[in-house]
Every structure is written in structure tokens, then in C-alpha cells.
């Protein structure tokens, strides 16, 4: 399925997911699998394929382990 954006004359941008589209004398028709129409636009300003949203799972980086197992603090000077 492809995501489409269609801007109508009233300035509204419609976001629709469809398998294919047809532009003919009836206007723009967006279809899903099986040939069912999901949207029909007799008049519109423009149509484009929307950028697909991809998500990447990011694992948080593990803190570096020095292996010493002790906490090191700076020594106070002047004692």
C-alpha cells in the first residue's frame, strides 16, 4: 500500500492509504486491493505520494565498564 496526500481546493490535505490510483475524466480515484474505491476527488489542487514513515529501534548505549569495580573521586587538595 502507498500513502497519498491530496490537497483539495478548500486547502485541506487528505492523507489516504491506497494500492493504486486512477486519474481520468471523473477525477482522481484511489483504490485498495480488490478494486474498492476508498476516495474520489472530482476536483483537487495536487496529489503526491507521501513519504513513508520508518522507525528504527535504537538500543541505549551501555556505560563503559572499567572493570575495577570501585568509584574514583578526586582527592581534596590542601590537607
C-alpha atoms as a PDB file:
ATOM      1  CA  UNK A   1       0.000   0.000   0.000  1.00  0.00           C
ATOM      2  CA  UNK A   2       1.107   3.530  -0.736  1.00  0.00           C
ATOM      3  CA  UNK A   3       0.323   6.654   1.249  1.00  0.00           C
ATOM      4  CA  UNK A   4      -1.017   9.553  -0.807  1.00  0.00           C
ATOM      5  CA  UNK A   5      -1.586  13.193   0.041  1.00  0.00           C
ATOM      6  CA  UNK A   6      -4.276  15.085  -1.871  1.00  0.00           C
ATOM      7  CA  UNK A   7      -4.866  18.827  -1.442  1.00  0.00           C
ATOM      8  CA  UNK A   8      -8.406  19.940  -2.227  1.00  0.00           C
ATOM      9  CA  UNK A   9      -9.499  23.420  -3.312  1.00  0.00           C
ATOM     10  CA  UNK A  10     -10.515  24.326   0.257  1.00  0.00           C
ATOM     11  CA  UNK A  11      -6.881  23.915   1.386  1.00  0.00           C
ATOM     12  CA  UNK A  12      -7.339  20.633   3.264  1.00  0.00           C
ATOM     13  CA  UNK A  13      -4.647  17.979   2.775  1.00  0.00           C
ATOM     14  CA  UNK A  14      -6.133  14.487   2.865  1.00  0.00           C
ATOM     15  CA  UNK A  15      -3.821  11.575   3.748  1.00  0.00           C
ATOM     16  CA  UNK A  16      -5.024   8.276   2.286  1.00  0.00           C
ATOM     17  CA  UNK A  17      -3.507   4.799   2.089  1.00  0.00           C
ATOM     18  CA  UNK A  18      -4.305   3.015  -1.180  1.00  0.00           C
ATOM     19  CA  UNK A  19      -2.923   0.371  -3.533  1.00  0.00           C
ATOM     20  CA  UNK A  20      -3.266   2.384  -6.735  1.00  0.00           C
ATOM     21  CA  UNK A  21      -4.856   5.464  -8.242  1.00  0.00           C
ATOM     22  CA  UNK A  22      -6.552   6.434 -11.496  1.00  0.00           C
ATOM     23  CA  UNK A  23      -6.786   9.932 -12.949  1.00  0.00           C
ATOM     24  CA  UNK A  24      -9.443  10.184 -15.659  1.00  0.00           C
ATOM     25  CA  UNK A  25     -12.348  12.394 -16.773  1.00  0.00           C
ATOM     26  CA  UNK A  26     -14.152  11.612 -13.482  1.00  0.00           C
ATOM     27  CA  UNK A  27     -11.253  12.980 -11.411  1.00  0.00           C
ATOM     28  CA  UNK A  28      -8.860  11.160  -9.090  1.00  0.00           C
ATOM     29  CA  UNK A  29      -9.896   7.812  -7.643  1.00  0.00           C
ATOM     30  CA  UNK A  30      -7.812   5.915  -5.065  1.00  0.00           C
ATOM     31  CA  UNK A  31      -8.283   2.145  -4.797  1.00  0.00           C
ATOM     32  CA  UNK A  32      -7.357  -0.581  -2.314  1.00  0.00           C
ATOM     33  CA  UNK A  33      -6.760  -4.244  -3.140  1.00  0.00           C
ATOM     34  CA  UNK A  34      -9.865  -5.861  -4.561  1.00  0.00           C
ATOM     35  CA  UNK A  35     -10.796  -2.825  -6.635  1.00  0.00           C
ATOM     36  CA  UNK A  36     -12.730  -0.937  -3.962  1.00  0.00           C
ATOM     37  CA  UNK A  37     -12.568   2.853  -4.180  1.00  0.00           C
ATOM     38  CA  UNK A  38     -11.502   4.475  -0.918  1.00  0.00           C
ATOM     39  CA  UNK A  39     -11.550   8.094  -2.133  1.00  0.00           C
ATOM     40  CA  UNK A  40     -12.821  10.020  -5.145  1.00  0.00           C
ATOM     41  CA  UNK A  41     -11.807  13.623  -5.837  1.00  0.00           C
ATOM     42  CA  UNK A  42     -13.645  15.291  -8.710  1.00  0.00           C
ATOM     43  CA  UNK A  43     -11.514  18.436  -8.202  1.00  0.00           C
ATOM     44  CA  UNK A  44      -8.207  18.806  -6.400  1.00  0.00           C
ATOM     45  CA  UNK A  45      -5.140  21.043  -6.495  1.00  0.00           C
ATOM     46  CA  UNK A  46      -2.391  18.410  -6.306  1.00  0.00           C
ATOM     47  CA  UNK A  47      -1.641  14.812  -5.375  1.00  0.00           C
ATOM     48  CA  UNK A  48       1.629  13.211  -4.300  1.00  0.00           C
ATOM     49  CA  UNK A  49       2.957  10.069  -2.710  1.00  0.00           C
ATOM     50  CA  UNK A  50       3.652  10.762   0.941  1.00  0.00           C
ATOM     51  CA  UNK A  51       6.996   9.928   2.444  1.00  0.00           C
ATOM     52  CA  UNK A  52       6.857   6.628   4.243  1.00  0.00           C
ATOM     53  CA  UNK A  53       7.479   6.742   7.942  1.00  0.00           C
ATOM     54  CA  UNK A  54      10.177   4.376   9.037  1.00  0.00           C
ATOM     55  CA  UNK A  55      11.074   3.678  12.599  1.00  0.00           C
ATOM     56  CA  UNK A  56      14.370   2.348  13.774  1.00  0.00           C
ATOM     57  CA  UNK A  57      14.686   0.803  17.206  1.00  0.00           C
ATOM     58  CA  UNK A  58      17.742   2.225  18.940  1.00  0.00           C
ATOM     59  CA  UNK A  59      19.280   0.383  21.852  1.00  0.00           C
ATOM     60  CA  UNK A  60      20.653   2.659  24.566  1.00  0.00           C
ATOM     61  CA  UNK A  61      24.408   2.524  24.734  1.00  0.00           C
ATOM     62  CA  UNK A  62      25.718   0.604  27.738  1.00  0.00           C
ATOM     63  CA  UNK A  63      28.055   2.587  30.008  1.00  0.00           C
ATOM     64  CA  UNK A  64      31.717   1.744  29.686  1.00  0.00           C
ATOM     65  CA  UNK A  65      32.891  -0.633  32.403  1.00  0.00           C
ATOM     66  CA  UNK A  66      36.432  -0.085  33.680  1.00  0.00           C
ATOM     67  CA  UNK A  67      36.388  -3.470  35.352  1.00  0.00           C
ATOM     68  CA  UNK A  68      37.874  -2.052  38.564  1.00  0.00           C
ATOM     69  CA  UNK A  69      34.609  -2.124  40.487  1.00  0.00           C
ATOM     70  CA  UNK A  70      35.476   0.968  42.523  1.00  0.00           C
ATOM     71  CA  UNK A  71      34.400   4.567  42.467  1.00  0.00           C
ATOM     72  CA  UNK A  72      37.200   7.057  41.971  1.00  0.00           C
ATOM     73  CA  UNK A  73      36.813  10.593  43.311  1.00  0.00           C
ATOM     74  CA  UNK A  74      39.272  13.428  43.078  1.00  0.00           C
ATOM     75  CA  UNK A  75      41.439  13.968  46.115  1.00  0.00           C
ATOM     76  CA  UNK A  76      40.804  17.169  48.006  1.00  0.00           C
ATOM     77  CA  UNK A  77      43.946  19.356  47.992  1.00  0.00           C
ATOM     78  CA  UNK A  78      45.494  21.136  50.946  1.00  0.00           C
ATOM     79  CA  UNK A  79      45.020  18.544  53.647  1.00  0.00           C
END
